[in-house]
Amino acid sequence: MPTELLIGKVFHYDDEKGVAYLELSGELLDGQVLRFKDPDGDFYVTVRDMHITGQIINYAELDDFVAIPVDHKLHEQDEVFVQY
């Protein structure tokens, strides 16, 4: 079983665009697997497309606000974990 670390939370979800906006409490790298802890069930996504203010990035750190596309409805305050 992979080790997980709380990496942040969803501060906004745009249903029309299918984008989750995350407030990070640690670093996040392109290619890492995230688990969203949602009341409707857990959801996993591999980070492949991450943005800060419209710029594509490969790395984000503590207190960054990033946008990533997701194909599952999320809720504000859903916790986000990164798997190692």
PDB file of N, CA and C in Angstrom:
ATOM      1  N   MET A   1       0.853  -1.184   0.000  1.00  0.00           N
ATOM      2  CA  MET A   1       0.000   0.000   0.000  1.00  0.00           C
ATOM      3  C   MET A   1       0.896   1.244   0.000  1.00  0.00           C
ATOM      4  N   PRO A   2       0.598   2.214  -0.870  1.00  0.00           N
ATOM      5  CA  PRO A   2       1.436   3.418  -0.938  1.00  0.00           C
ATOM      6  C   PRO A   2       1.313   4.280   0.321  1.00  0.00           C
ATOM      7  N   THR A   3       2.381   5.011   0.601  1.00  0.00           N
ATOM      8  CA  THR A   3       2.372   5.979   1.685  1.00  0.00           C
ATOM      9  C   THR A   3       1.723   7.259   1.171  1.00  0.00           C
ATOM     10  N   GLU A   4       0.910   7.883   2.006  1.00  0.00           N
ATOM     11  CA  GLU A   4       0.231   9.118   1.610  1.00  0.00           C
ATOM     12  C   GLU A   4       0.557  10.241   2.586  1.00  0.00           C
ATOM     13  N   LEU A   5       0.502  11.464   2.057  1.00  0.00           N
ATOM     14  CA  LEU A   5       0.734  12.657   2.853  1.00  0.00           C
ATOM     15  C   LEU A   5      -0.307  13.693   2.452  1.00  0.00           C
ATOM     16  N   LEU A   6      -0.950  14.307   3.448  1.00  0.00           N
ATOM     17  CA  LEU A   6      -1.902  15.376   3.156  1.00  0.00           C
ATOM     18  C   LEU A   6      -1.151  16.499   2.460  1.00  0.00           C
ATOM     19  N   ILE A   7      -1.601  16.886   1.270  1.00  0.00           N
ATOM     20  CA  ILE A   7      -0.893  17.886   0.458  1.00  0.00           C
ATOM     21  C   ILE A   7      -1.668  19.187   0.341  1.00  0.00           C
ATOM     22  N   GLY A   8      -2.962  19.172   0.725  1.00  0.00           N
ATOM     23  CA  GLY A   8      -3.746  20.396   0.628  1.00  0.00           C
ATOM     24  C   GLY A   8      -5.234  20.111   0.628  1.00  0.00           C
ATOM     25  N   LYS A   9      -5.973  21.080   0.084  1.00  0.00           N
ATOM     26  CA  LYS A   9      -7.433  20.943   0.025  1.00  0.00           C
ATOM     27  C   LYS A   9      -7.952  21.635  -1.227  1.00  0.00           C
ATOM     28  N   VAL A  10      -9.142  21.239  -1.617  1.00  0.00           N
ATOM     29  CA  VAL A  10      -9.824  21.888  -2.740  1.00  0.00           C
ATOM     30  C   VAL A  10     -10.418  23.189  -2.210  1.00  0.00           C
ATOM     31  N   PHE A  11     -10.034  24.328  -2.816  1.00  0.00           N
ATOM     32  CA  PHE A  11     -10.662  25.579  -2.383  1.00  0.00           C
ATOM     33  C   PHE A  11     -11.722  26.021  -3.368  1.00  0.00           C
ATOM     34  N   HIS A  12     -11.731  25.420  -4.572  1.00  0.00           N
ATOM     35  CA  HIS A  12     -12.799  25.699  -5.540  1.00  0.00           C
ATOM     36  C   HIS A  12     -12.819  24.581  -6.569  1.00  0.00           C
ATOM     37  N   TYR A  13     -14.018  24.262  -7.045  1.00  0.00           N
ATOM     38  CA  TYR A  13     -14.164  23.287  -8.118  1.00  0.00           C
ATOM     39  C   TYR A  13     -15.047  23.905  -9.188  1.00  0.00           C
ATOM     40  N   ASP A  14     -14.573  23.930 -10.429  1.00  0.00           N
ATOM     41  CA  ASP A  14     -15.321  24.465 -11.559  1.00  0.00           C
ATOM     42  C   ASP A  14     -15.894  23.293 -12.346  1.00  0.00           C
ATOM     43  N   ASP A  15     -17.183  23.052 -12.165  1.00  0.00           N
ATOM     44  CA  ASP A  15     -17.862  21.919 -12.791  1.00  0.00           C
ATOM     45  C   ASP A  15     -17.883  22.036 -14.315  1.00  0.00           C
ATOM     46  N   GLU A  16     -18.050  23.245 -14.821  1.00  0.00           N
ATOM     47  CA  GLU A  16     -18.114  23.448 -16.278  1.00  0.00           C
ATOM     48  C   GLU A  16     -16.778  23.127 -16.953  1.00  0.00           C
ATOM     49  N   LYS A  17     -15.683  23.497 -16.323  1.00  0.00           N
ATOM     50  CA  LYS A  17     -14.357  23.265 -16.896  1.00  0.00           C
ATOM     51  C   LYS A  17     -13.748  21.934 -16.453  1.00  0.00           C
ATOM     52  N   GLY A  18     -14.291  21.326 -15.394  1.00  0.00           N
ATOM     53  CA  GLY A  18     -13.707  20.100 -14.848  1.00  0.00           C
ATOM     54  C   GLY A  18     -12.341  20.356 -14.253  1.00  0.00           C
ATOM     55  N   VAL A  19     -12.229  21.457 -13.495  1.00  0.00           N
ATOM     56  CA  VAL A  19     -10.949  21.858 -12.916  1.00  0.00           C
ATOM     57  C   VAL A  19     -11.085  21.989 -11.400  1.00  0.00           C
ATOM     58  N   ALA A  20     -10.128  21.400 -10.694  1.00  0.00           N
ATOM     59  CA  ALA A  20     -10.041  21.565  -9.246  1.00  0.00           C
ATOM     60  C   ALA A  20      -8.944  22.576  -8.951  1.00  0.00           C
ATOM     61  N   TYR A  21      -9.250  23.515  -8.089  1.00  0.00           N
ATOM     62  CA  TYR A  21      -8.279  24.517  -7.649  1.00  0.00           C
ATOM     63  C   TYR A  21      -7.862  24.134  -6.233  1.00  0.00           C
ATOM     64  N   LEU A  22      -6.572  23.926  -6.057  1.00  0.00           N
ATOM     65  CA  LEU A  22      -6.046  23.415  -4.795  1.00  0.00           C
ATOM     66  C   LEU A  22      -5.197  24.447  -4.083  1.00  0.00           C
ATOM     67  N   GLU A  23      -5.321  24.482  -2.762  1.00  0.00           N
ATOM     68  CA  GLU A  23      -4.418  25.248  -1.910  1.00  0.00           C
ATOM     69  C   GLU A  23      -3.462  24.232  -1.299  1.00  0.00           C
ATOM     70  N   LEU A  24      -2.189  24.357  -1.587  1.00  0.00           N
ATOM     71  CA  LEU A  24      -1.214  23.348  -1.187  1.00  0.00           C
ATOM     72  C   LEU A  24      -0.614  23.610   0.187  1.00  0.00           C
ATOM     73  N   SER A  25      -0.396  22.518   0.909  1.00  0.00           N
ATOM     74  CA  SER A  25       0.280  22.586   2.200  1.00  0.00           C
ATOM     75  C   SER A  25       1.607  21.825   2.140  1.00  0.00           C
ATOM     76  N   GLY A  26       2.090  21.595   0.933  1.00  0.00           N
ATOM     77  CA  GLY A  26       3.355  20.921   0.694  1.00  0.00           C
ATOM     78  C   GLY A  26       3.683  21.000  -0.780  1.00  0.00           C
ATOM     79  N   GLU A  27       4.743  20.312  -1.201  1.00  0.00           N
ATOM     80  CA  GLU A  27       5.137  20.394  -2.605  1.00  0.00           C
ATOM     81  C   GLU A  27       4.424  19.329  -3.436  1.00  0.00           C
ATOM     82  N   LEU A  28       4.224  19.657  -4.702  1.00  0.00           N
ATOM     83  CA  LEU A  28       3.542  18.775  -5.639  1.00  0.00           C
ATOM     84  C   LEU A  28       4.308  18.776  -6.953  1.00  0.00           C
ATOM     85  N   LEU A  29       4.543  17.575  -7.483  1.00  0.00           N
ATOM     86  CA  LEU A  29       5.295  17.418  -8.718  1.00  0.00           C
ATOM     87  C   LEU A  29       4.419  16.816  -9.802  1.00  0.00           C
ATOM     88  N   ASP A  30       4.678  17.206 -11.027  1.00  0.00           N
ATOM     89  CA  ASP A  30       4.019  16.607 -12.176  1.00  0.00           C
ATOM     90  C   ASP A  30       4.270  15.105 -12.148  1.00  0.00           C
ATOM     91  N   GLY A  31       3.235  14.312 -12.400  1.00  0.00           N
ATOM     92  CA  GLY A  31       3.363  12.861 -12.423  1.00  0.00           C
ATOM     93  C   GLY A  31       2.982  12.168 -11.129  1.00  0.00           C
ATOM     94  N   GLN A  32       2.829  12.923 -10.041  1.00  0.00           N
ATOM     95  CA  GLN A  32       2.436  12.307  -8.776  1.00  0.00           C
ATOM     96  C   GLN A  32       0.954  11.930  -8.807  1.00  0.00           C
ATOM     97  N   VAL A  33       0.604  10.927  -8.010  1.00  0.00           N
ATOM     98  CA  VAL A  33      -0.783  10.483  -7.901  1.00  0.00           C
ATOM     99  C   VAL A  33      -1.415  11.149  -6.686  1.00  0.00           C
ATOM    100  N   LEU A  34      -2.587  11.749  -6.912  1.00  0.00           N
ATOM    101  CA  LEU A  34      -3.335  12.393  -5.837  1.00  0.00           C
ATOM    102  C   LEU A  34      -4.571  11.571  -5.501  1.00  0.00           C
ATOM    103  N   ARG A  35      -4.918  11.568  -4.214  1.00  0.00           N
ATOM    104  CA  ARG A  35      -6.195  10.992  -3.772  1.00  0.00           C
ATOM    105  C   ARG A  35      -7.019  12.119  -3.186  1.00  0.00           C
ATOM    106  N   PHE A  36      -8.199  12.320  -3.738  1.00  0.00           N
ATOM    107  CA  PHE A  36      -9.145  13.301  -3.223  1.00  0.00           C
ATOM    108  C   PHE A  36     -10.096  12.569  -2.290  1.00  0.00           C
ATOM    109  N   LYS A  37     -10.163  13.010  -1.047  1.00  0.00           N
ATOM    110  CA  LYS A  37     -11.068  12.406  -0.078  1.00  0.00           C
ATOM    111  C   LYS A  37     -12.380  13.186  -0.141  1.00  0.00           C
ATOM    112  N   ASP A  38     -13.359  12.584  -0.809  1.00  0.00           N
ATOM    113  CA  ASP A  38     -14.634  13.238  -1.102  1.00  0.00           C
ATOM    114  C   ASP A  38     -15.760  12.489  -0.388  1.00  0.00           C
ATOM    115  N   PRO A  39     -16.800  13.193   0.088  1.00  0.00           N
ATOM    116  CA  PRO A  39     -17.912  12.507   0.751  1.00  0.00           C
ATOM    117  C   PRO A  39     -18.577  11.440  -0.128  1.00  0.00           C
ATOM    118  N   ASP A  40     -18.495  11.591  -1.442  1.00  0.00           N
ATOM    119  CA  ASP A  40     -19.105  10.626  -2.358  1.00  0.00           C
ATOM    120  C   ASP A  40     -18.182   9.452  -2.660  1.00  0.00           C
ATOM    121  N   GLY A  41     -16.988   9.455  -2.113  1.00  0.00           N
ATOM    122  CA  GLY A  41     -16.012   8.389  -2.341  1.00  0.00           C
ATOM    123  C   GLY A  41     -14.677   8.967  -2.767  1.00  0.00           C
ATOM    124  N   ASP A  42     -13.631   8.205  -2.538  1.00  0.00           N
ATOM    125  CA  ASP A  42     -12.296   8.660  -2.909  1.00  0.00           C
ATOM    126  C   ASP A  42     -12.122   8.640  -4.418  1.00  0.00           C
ATOM    127  N   PHE A  43     -11.289   9.538  -4.896  1.00  0.00           N
ATOM    128  CA  PHE A  43     -11.039   9.702  -6.320  1.00  0.00           C
ATOM    129  C   PHE A  43      -9.546   9.912  -6.511  1.00  0.00           C
ATOM    130  N   TYR A  44      -8.968   9.232  -7.494  1.00  0.00           N
ATOM    131  CA  TYR A  44      -7.531   9.313  -7.758  1.00  0.00           C
ATOM    132  C   TYR A  44      -7.273   9.968  -9.112  1.00  0.00           C
ATOM    133  N   VAL A  45      -6.212  10.746  -9.189  1.00  0.00           N
ATOM    134  CA  VAL A  45      -5.806  11.354 -10.456  1.00  0.00           C
ATOM    135  C   VAL A  45      -4.275  11.474 -10.460  1.00  0.00           C
ATOM    136  N   THR A  46      -3.699  11.225 -11.623  1.00  0.00           N
ATOM    137  CA  THR A  46      -2.267  11.468 -11.812  1.00  0.00           C
ATOM    138  C   THR A  46      -2.103  12.875 -12.356  1.00  0.00           C
ATOM    139  N   VAL A  47      -1.254  13.674 -11.729  1.00  0.00           N
ATOM    140  CA  VAL A  47      -1.053  15.060 -12.144  1.00  0.00           C
ATOM    141  C   VAL A  47      -0.314  15.060 -13.486  1.00  0.00           C
ATOM    142  N   ARG A  48      -0.987  15.556 -14.519  1.00  0.00           N
ATOM    143  CA  ARG A  48      -0.407  15.618 -15.861  1.00  0.00           C
ATOM    144  C   ARG A  48      -0.428  17.035 -16.437  1.00  0.00           C
ATOM    145  N   ASP A  49      -1.254  17.869 -15.849  1.00  0.00           N
ATOM    146  CA  ASP A  49      -1.455  19.221 -16.371  1.00  0.00           C
ATOM    147  C   ASP A  49      -1.752  20.114 -15.171  1.00  0.00           C
ATOM    148  N   MET A  50      -0.773  20.887 -14.731  1.00  0.00           N
ATOM    149  CA  MET A  50      -0.906  21.708 -13.530  1.00  0.00           C
ATOM    150  C   MET A  50      -0.611  23.158 -13.903  1.00  0.00           C
ATOM    151  N   HIS A  51      -1.439  24.076 -13.412  1.00  0.00           N
ATOM    152  CA  HIS A  51      -1.303  25.493 -13.776  1.00  0.00           C
ATOM    153  C   HIS A  51      -1.307  26.370 -12.531  1.00  0.00           C
ATOM    154  N   ILE A  52      -0.558  27.463 -12.617  1.00  0.00           N
ATOM    155  CA  ILE A  52      -0.653  28.578 -11.668  1.00  0.00           C
ATOM    156  C   ILE A  52      -0.853  29.824 -12.520  1.00  0.00           C
ATOM    157  N   THR A  53      -1.944  30.519 -12.276  1.00  0.00           N
ATOM    158  CA  THR A  53      -2.310  31.736 -13.023  1.00  0.00           C
ATOM    159  C   THR A  53      -2.120  31.570 -14.534  1.00  0.00           C
ATOM    160  N   GLY A  54      -2.603  30.439 -15.053  1.00  0.00           N
ATOM    161  CA  GLY A  54      -2.574  30.212 -16.489  1.00  0.00           C
ATOM    162  C   GLY A  54      -1.272  29.676 -17.052  1.00  0.00           C
ATOM    163  N   GLN A  55      -0.226  29.615 -16.252  1.00  0.00           N
ATOM    164  CA  GLN A  55       1.073  29.111 -16.698  1.00  0.00           C
ATOM    165  C   GLN A  55       1.199  27.619 -16.363  1.00  0.00           C
ATOM    166  N   ILE A  56       1.599  26.820 -17.341  1.00  0.00           N
ATOM    167  CA  ILE A  56       1.834  25.405 -17.089  1.00  0.00           C
ATOM    168  C   ILE A  56       3.102  25.260 -16.256  1.00  0.00           C
ATOM    169  N   ILE A  57       2.997  24.448 -15.199  1.00  0.00           N
ATOM    170  CA  ILE A  57       4.141  24.237 -14.309  1.00  0.00           C
ATOM    171  C   ILE A  57       4.353  22.737 -14.086  1.00  0.00           C
ATOM    172  N   ASN A  58       5.532  22.376 -13.616  1.00  0.00           N
ATOM    173  CA  ASN A  58       5.852  20.993 -13.282  1.00  0.00           C
ATOM    174  C   ASN A  58       6.051  20.792 -11.786  1.00  0.00           C
ATOM    175  N   TYR A  59       6.087  21.901 -11.036  1.00  0.00           N
ATOM    176  CA  TYR A  59       6.385  21.861  -9.614  1.00  0.00           C
ATOM    177  C   TYR A  59       5.622  22.980  -8.911  1.00  0.00           C
ATOM    178  N   ALA A  60       5.026  22.661  -7.782  1.00  0.00           N
ATOM    179  CA  ALA A  60       4.374  23.668  -6.946  1.00  0.00           C
ATOM    180  C   ALA A  60       4.779  23.391  -5.505  1.00  0.00           C
ATOM    181  N   GLU A  61       4.708  24.432  -4.669  1.00  0.00           N
ATOM    182  CA  GLU A  61       5.172  24.286  -3.291  1.00  0.00           C
ATOM    183  C   GLU A  61       4.160  24.823  -2.294  1.00  0.00           C
ATOM    184  N   LEU A  62       4.525  24.730  -1.028  1.00  0.00           N
ATOM    185  CA  LEU A  62       3.705  25.176   0.086  1.00  0.00           C
ATOM    186  C   LEU A  62       3.085  26.534  -0.190  1.00  0.00           C
ATOM    187  N   ASP A  63       1.787  26.643   0.058  1.00  0.00           N
ATOM    188  CA  ASP A  63       0.995  27.872  -0.075  1.00  0.00           C
ATOM    189  C   ASP A  63       0.705  28.275  -1.524  1.00  0.00           C
ATOM    190  N   ASP A  64       1.125  27.482  -2.511  1.00  0.00           N
ATOM    191  CA  ASP A  64       0.735  27.766  -3.894  1.00  0.00           C
ATOM    192  C   ASP A  64      -0.728  27.385  -4.095  1.00  0.00           C
ATOM    193  N   PHE A  65      -1.360  28.053  -5.035  1.00  0.00           N
ATOM    194  CA  PHE A  65      -2.708  27.741  -5.471  1.00  0.00           C
ATOM    195  C   PHE A  65      -2.602  27.251  -6.904  1.00  0.00           C
ATOM    196  N   VAL A  66      -2.960  25.985  -7.139  1.00  0.00           N
ATOM    197  CA  VAL A  66      -2.797  25.392  -8.458  1.00  0.00           C
ATOM    198  C   VAL A  66      -4.133  24.901  -8.988  1.00  0.00           C
ATOM    199  N   ALA A  67      -4.208  24.788 -10.306  1.00  0.00           N
ATOM    200  CA  ALA A  67      -5.388  24.248 -10.985  1.00  0.00           C
ATOM    201  C   ALA A  67      -4.988  22.974 -11.703  1.00  0.00           C
ATOM    202  N   ILE A  68      -5.798  21.919 -11.522  1.00  0.00           N
ATOM    203  CA  ILE A  68      -5.560  20.688 -12.264  1.00  0.00           C
ATOM    204  C   ILE A  68      -6.896  20.162 -12.797  1.00  0.00           C
ATOM    205  N   PRO A  69      -6.882  19.616 -14.011  1.00  0.00           N
ATOM    206  CA  PRO A  69      -8.120  19.040 -14.549  1.00  0.00           C
ATOM    207  C   PRO A  69      -8.448  17.720 -13.848  1.00  0.00           C
ATOM    208  N   VAL A  70      -9.724  17.508 -13.608  1.00  0.00           N
ATOM    209  CA  VAL A  70     -10.207  16.267 -12.999  1.00  0.00           C
ATOM    210  C   VAL A  70     -11.479  15.836 -13.732  1.00  0.00           C
ATOM    211  N   ASP A  71     -11.781  14.553 -13.658  1.00  0.00           N
ATOM    212  CA  ASP A  71     -12.993  14.070 -14.312  1.00  0.00           C
ATOM    213  C   ASP A  71     -13.996  13.523 -13.303  1.00  0.00           C
ATOM    214  N   HIS A  72     -14.011  14.137 -12.130  1.00  0.00           N
ATOM    215  CA  HIS A  72     -14.916  13.737 -11.057  1.00  0.00           C
ATOM    216  C   HIS A  72     -15.339  14.994 -10.304  1.00  0.00           C
ATOM    217  N   LYS A  73     -16.602  15.086  -9.979  1.00  0.00           N
ATOM    218  CA  LYS A  73     -17.097  16.244  -9.227  1.00  0.00           C
ATOM    219  C   LYS A  73     -16.501  16.241  -7.824  1.00  0.00           C
ATOM    220  N   LEU A  74     -15.996  17.392  -7.420  1.00  0.00           N
ATOM    221  CA  LEU A  74     -15.402  17.547  -6.098  1.00  0.00           C
ATOM    222  C   LEU A  74     -16.132  18.634  -5.330  1.00  0.00           C
ATOM    223  N   HIS A  75     -15.781  18.778  -4.074  1.00  0.00           N
ATOM    224  CA  HIS A  75     -16.391  19.780  -3.208  1.00  0.00           C
ATOM    225  C   HIS A  75     -15.299  20.615  -2.548  1.00  0.00           C
ATOM    226  N   GLU A  76     -15.633  21.871  -2.283  1.00  0.00           N
ATOM    227  CA  GLU A  76     -14.701  22.717  -1.550  1.00  0.00           C
ATOM    228  C   GLU A  76     -14.402  22.076  -0.202  1.00  0.00           C
ATOM    229  N   GLN A  77     -13.178  22.178   0.222  1.00  0.00           N
ATOM    230  CA  GLN A  77     -12.654  21.636   1.480  1.00  0.00           C
ATOM    231  C   GLN A  77     -12.341  20.143   1.412  1.00  0.00           C
ATOM    232  N   ASP A  78     -12.564  19.469   0.266  1.00  0.00           N
ATOM    233  CA  ASP A  78     -12.128  18.071   0.139  1.00  0.00           C
ATOM    234  C   ASP A  78     -10.626  18.025   0.385  1.00  0.00           C
ATOM    235  N   GLU A  79     -10.178  17.066   1.158  1.00  0.00           N
ATOM    236  CA  GLU A  79      -8.747  16.922   1.415  1.00  0.00           C
ATOM    237  C   GLU A  79      -8.067  16.226   0.234  1.00  0.00           C
ATOM    238  N   VAL A  80      -6.825  16.591   0.007  1.00  0.00           N
ATOM    239  CA  VAL A  80      -6.040  16.031  -1.092  1.00  0.00           C
ATOM    240  C   VAL A  80      -4.763  15.426  -0.518  1.00  0.00           C
ATOM    241  N   PHE A  81      -4.517  14.183  -0.877  1.00  0.00           N
ATOM    242  CA  PHE A  81      -3.337  13.463  -0.422  1.00  0.00           C
ATOM    243  C   PHE A  81      -2.477  13.106  -1.618  1.00  0.00           C
ATOM    244  N   VAL A  82      -1.156  13.124  -1.442  1.00  0.00           N
ATOM    245  CA  VAL A  82      -0.229  12.697  -2.490  1.00  0.00           C
ATOM    246  C   VAL A  82       0.319  11.335  -2.079  1.00  0.00           C
ATOM    247  N   GLN A  83       0.451  10.450  -3.075  1.00  0.00           N
ATOM    248  CA  GLN A  83       0.969   9.108  -2.804  1.00  0.00           C
ATOM    249  C   GLN A  83       2.448   9.042  -3.164  1.00  0.00           C
ATOM    250  N   TYR A  84       3.212   8.320  -2.352  1.00  0.00           N
ATOM    251  CA  TYR A  84       4.636   8.122  -2.592  1.00  0.00           C
ATOM    252  C   TYR A  84       4.918   6.645  -2.781  1.00  0.00           C
TER     253      TYR A  84
END
